[in-house]
Each structure stands twice: as structure tokens, then as C-alpha cells.
């Protein structure tokens, strides 16, 4: 209720969208790939500095082909979201 009151008091227009709006941005799959790669490392990072180094190393191993596949799959992802009327999809 506080949010609605704030919007009304400040004349803010609320845009309609599903409460569980799907994130179809391909970068989400890149973050997942990066997290998986970090978790599969033989030696896990124990400090923030070690984590930063591991992230940079694993980021450098993500191929352009992987990124291109994500981008090429976007029409299929958008179609699934539209079919689900903004609800959850397998993506």
C-alpha cells in the first residue's frame, strides 16, 4: 500500500507488466555459465581477490560461439514468453 500511496503522491505512472516478468536478456545465461565455471574449478577462490582473478580467467574462456548461440536463440525465447503471456518458460 505504501508504494501505491507514494506513486499517487508523486504522480508516477505505473507501467503494466507481469509480477514475475521473465528476464530474457542473454547475459543471464552468461552469468550462469560463469558461475558454473567458477564452481567447477579444482581450487575454489577463498578471498575476494582470488574470486576476481577466477572470474577474469573464466570470463576469458567464454567463446564467441557461445555468445552467438545465445543471441541466435533469442527469437525462440521471445516466442516462448509471448506464448506464456509473460509467465514462466523453460528458458
C-alpha atoms as a PDB file:
ATOM      1  CA  UNK A   1       0.000   0.000   0.000  1.00  0.00           C
ATOM      2  CA  UNK A   2       2.874   2.379   0.766  1.00  0.00           C
ATOM      3  CA  UNK A   3       4.204   2.023  -2.775  1.00  0.00           C
ATOM      4  CA  UNK A   4       0.805   2.876  -4.288  1.00  0.00           C
ATOM      5  CA  UNK A   5       0.499   5.888  -1.987  1.00  0.00           C
ATOM      6  CA  UNK A   6       3.970   7.070  -2.969  1.00  0.00           C
ATOM      7  CA  UNK A   7       3.166   6.716  -6.668  1.00  0.00           C
ATOM      8  CA  UNK A   8      -0.076   8.642  -6.261  1.00  0.00           C
ATOM      9  CA  UNK A   9       1.536  11.388  -4.165  1.00  0.00           C
ATOM     10  CA  UNK A  10       4.305  11.900  -6.725  1.00  0.00           C
ATOM     11  CA  UNK A  11       2.114  11.484  -9.832  1.00  0.00           C
ATOM     12  CA  UNK A  12       4.104   8.470 -11.023  1.00  0.00           C
ATOM     13  CA  UNK A  13       2.618   6.261 -13.700  1.00  0.00           C
ATOM     14  CA  UNK A  14       2.994   2.549 -13.072  1.00  0.00           C
ATOM     15  CA  UNK A  15       3.567   0.535 -16.212  1.00  0.00           C
ATOM     16  CA  UNK A  16       1.634  -2.722 -16.510  1.00  0.00           C
ATOM     17  CA  UNK A  17       3.811  -5.831 -16.512  1.00  0.00           C
ATOM     18  CA  UNK A  18       3.602  -9.332 -15.096  1.00  0.00           C
ATOM     19  CA  UNK A  19       4.550  -9.658 -11.426  1.00  0.00           C
ATOM     20  CA  UNK A  20       7.060 -12.366 -12.338  1.00  0.00           C
ATOM     21  CA  UNK A  21       8.344 -10.754 -15.503  1.00  0.00           C
ATOM     22  CA  UNK A  22      10.798 -13.095 -17.241  1.00  0.00           C
ATOM     23  CA  UNK A  23      14.304 -11.866 -17.869  1.00  0.00           C
ATOM     24  CA  UNK A  24      15.133 -12.877 -21.431  1.00  0.00           C
ATOM     25  CA  UNK A  25      18.399 -10.964 -21.570  1.00  0.00           C
ATOM     26  CA  UNK A  26      21.103 -13.314 -22.912  1.00  0.00           C
ATOM     27  CA  UNK A  27      23.588 -12.004 -20.329  1.00  0.00           C
ATOM     28  CA  UNK A  28      21.724 -14.032 -17.685  1.00  0.00           C
ATOM     29  CA  UNK A  29      22.922 -17.212 -19.405  1.00  0.00           C
ATOM     30  CA  UNK A  30      26.459 -15.847 -19.496  1.00  0.00           C
ATOM     31  CA  UNK A  31      26.351 -15.199 -15.726  1.00  0.00           C
ATOM     32  CA  UNK A  32      25.119 -18.767 -15.207  1.00  0.00           C
ATOM     33  CA  UNK A  33      27.939 -20.119 -17.377  1.00  0.00           C
ATOM     34  CA  UNK A  34      30.458 -18.044 -15.431  1.00  0.00           C
ATOM     35  CA  UNK A  35      29.096 -19.237 -12.074  1.00  0.00           C
ATOM     36  CA  UNK A  36      29.213 -22.862 -13.252  1.00  0.00           C
ATOM     37  CA  UNK A  37      32.800 -22.454 -14.422  1.00  0.00           C
ATOM     38  CA  UNK A  38      33.849 -20.926 -11.088  1.00  0.00           C
ATOM     39  CA  UNK A  39      32.124 -23.718  -9.135  1.00  0.00           C
ATOM     40  CA  UNK A  40      33.871 -26.406 -11.218  1.00  0.00           C
ATOM     41  CA  UNK A  41      37.349 -25.058 -10.536  1.00  0.00           C
ATOM     42  CA  UNK A  42      39.599 -27.529  -8.761  1.00  0.00           C
ATOM     43  CA  UNK A  43      40.605 -24.870  -6.236  1.00  0.00           C
ATOM     44  CA  UNK A  44      37.790 -22.582  -5.143  1.00  0.00           C
ATOM     45  CA  UNK A  45      38.574 -18.902  -4.552  1.00  0.00           C
ATOM     46  CA  UNK A  46      38.712 -18.073  -0.854  1.00  0.00           C
ATOM     47  CA  UNK A  47      39.138 -14.296  -0.954  1.00  0.00           C
ATOM     48  CA  UNK A  48      37.601 -11.509  -2.996  1.00  0.00           C
ATOM     49  CA  UNK A  49      40.899 -11.033  -4.795  1.00  0.00           C
ATOM     50  CA  UNK A  50      41.037 -14.732  -5.699  1.00  0.00           C
ATOM     51  CA  UNK A  51      37.420 -14.601  -6.846  1.00  0.00           C
ATOM     52  CA  UNK A  52      38.146 -11.579  -9.037  1.00  0.00           C
ATOM     53  CA  UNK A  53      41.096 -13.369 -10.661  1.00  0.00           C
ATOM     54  CA  UNK A  54      39.000 -16.527 -11.196  1.00  0.00           C
ATOM     55  CA  UNK A  55      36.169 -14.514 -12.754  1.00  0.00           C
ATOM     56  CA  UNK A  56      38.553 -12.809 -15.152  1.00  0.00           C
ATOM     57  CA  UNK A  57      40.150 -16.113 -16.130  1.00  0.00           C
ATOM     58  CA  UNK A  58      36.830 -17.885 -16.699  1.00  0.00           C
ATOM     59  CA  UNK A  59      35.312 -14.873 -18.496  1.00  0.00           C
ATOM     60  CA  UNK A  60      38.182 -15.072 -20.967  1.00  0.00           C
ATOM     61  CA  UNK A  61      37.301 -18.696 -21.711  1.00  0.00           C
ATOM     62  CA  UNK A  62      33.717 -17.965 -22.771  1.00  0.00           C
ATOM     63  CA  UNK A  63      33.703 -18.265 -26.538  1.00  0.00           C
ATOM     64  CA  UNK A  64      32.174 -16.025 -29.154  1.00  0.00           C
ATOM     65  CA  UNK A  65      30.343 -19.109 -30.447  1.00  0.00           C
ATOM     66  CA  UNK A  66      28.620 -19.489 -27.056  1.00  0.00           C
ATOM     67  CA  UNK A  67      27.528 -15.832 -27.133  1.00  0.00           C
ATOM     68  CA  UNK A  68      26.353 -16.137 -30.741  1.00  0.00           C
ATOM     69  CA  UNK A  69      24.229 -19.181 -29.858  1.00  0.00           C
ATOM     70  CA  UNK A  70      22.553 -17.201 -27.084  1.00  0.00           C
ATOM     71  CA  UNK A  71      21.814 -14.302 -29.416  1.00  0.00           C
ATOM     72  CA  UNK A  72      20.621 -16.609 -32.195  1.00  0.00           C
ATOM     73  CA  UNK A  73      18.226 -18.265 -29.743  1.00  0.00           C
ATOM     74  CA  UNK A  74      16.536 -15.001 -28.759  1.00  0.00           C
ATOM     75  CA  UNK A  75      13.620 -15.237 -31.228  1.00  0.00           C
ATOM     76  CA  UNK A  76      12.734 -18.645 -29.753  1.00  0.00           C
ATOM     77  CA  UNK A  77      12.933 -17.234 -26.212  1.00  0.00           C
ATOM     78  CA  UNK A  78      10.746 -14.244 -27.056  1.00  0.00           C
ATOM     79  CA  UNK A  79       8.217 -16.512 -28.765  1.00  0.00           C
ATOM     80  CA  UNK A  80       8.045 -18.705 -25.647  1.00  0.00           C
ATOM     81  CA  UNK A  81       7.490 -15.671 -23.399  1.00  0.00           C
ATOM     82  CA  UNK A  82       4.744 -14.372 -25.684  1.00  0.00           C
ATOM     83  CA  UNK A  83       3.099 -17.794 -25.791  1.00  0.00           C
ATOM     84  CA  UNK A  84       3.219 -17.959 -21.975  1.00  0.00           C
ATOM     85  CA  UNK A  85       1.766 -14.409 -21.841  1.00  0.00           C
ATOM     86  CA  UNK A  86       4.700 -13.249 -19.752  1.00  0.00           C
ATOM     87  CA  UNK A  87       4.626 -16.272 -17.479  1.00  0.00           C
ATOM     88  CA  UNK A  88       7.406 -18.721 -16.823  1.00  0.00           C
ATOM     89  CA  UNK A  89       9.109 -20.602 -19.638  1.00  0.00           C
ATOM     90  CA  UNK A  90      11.743 -23.316 -19.832  1.00  0.00           C
ATOM     91  CA  UNK A  91      14.286 -20.591 -20.546  1.00  0.00           C
END
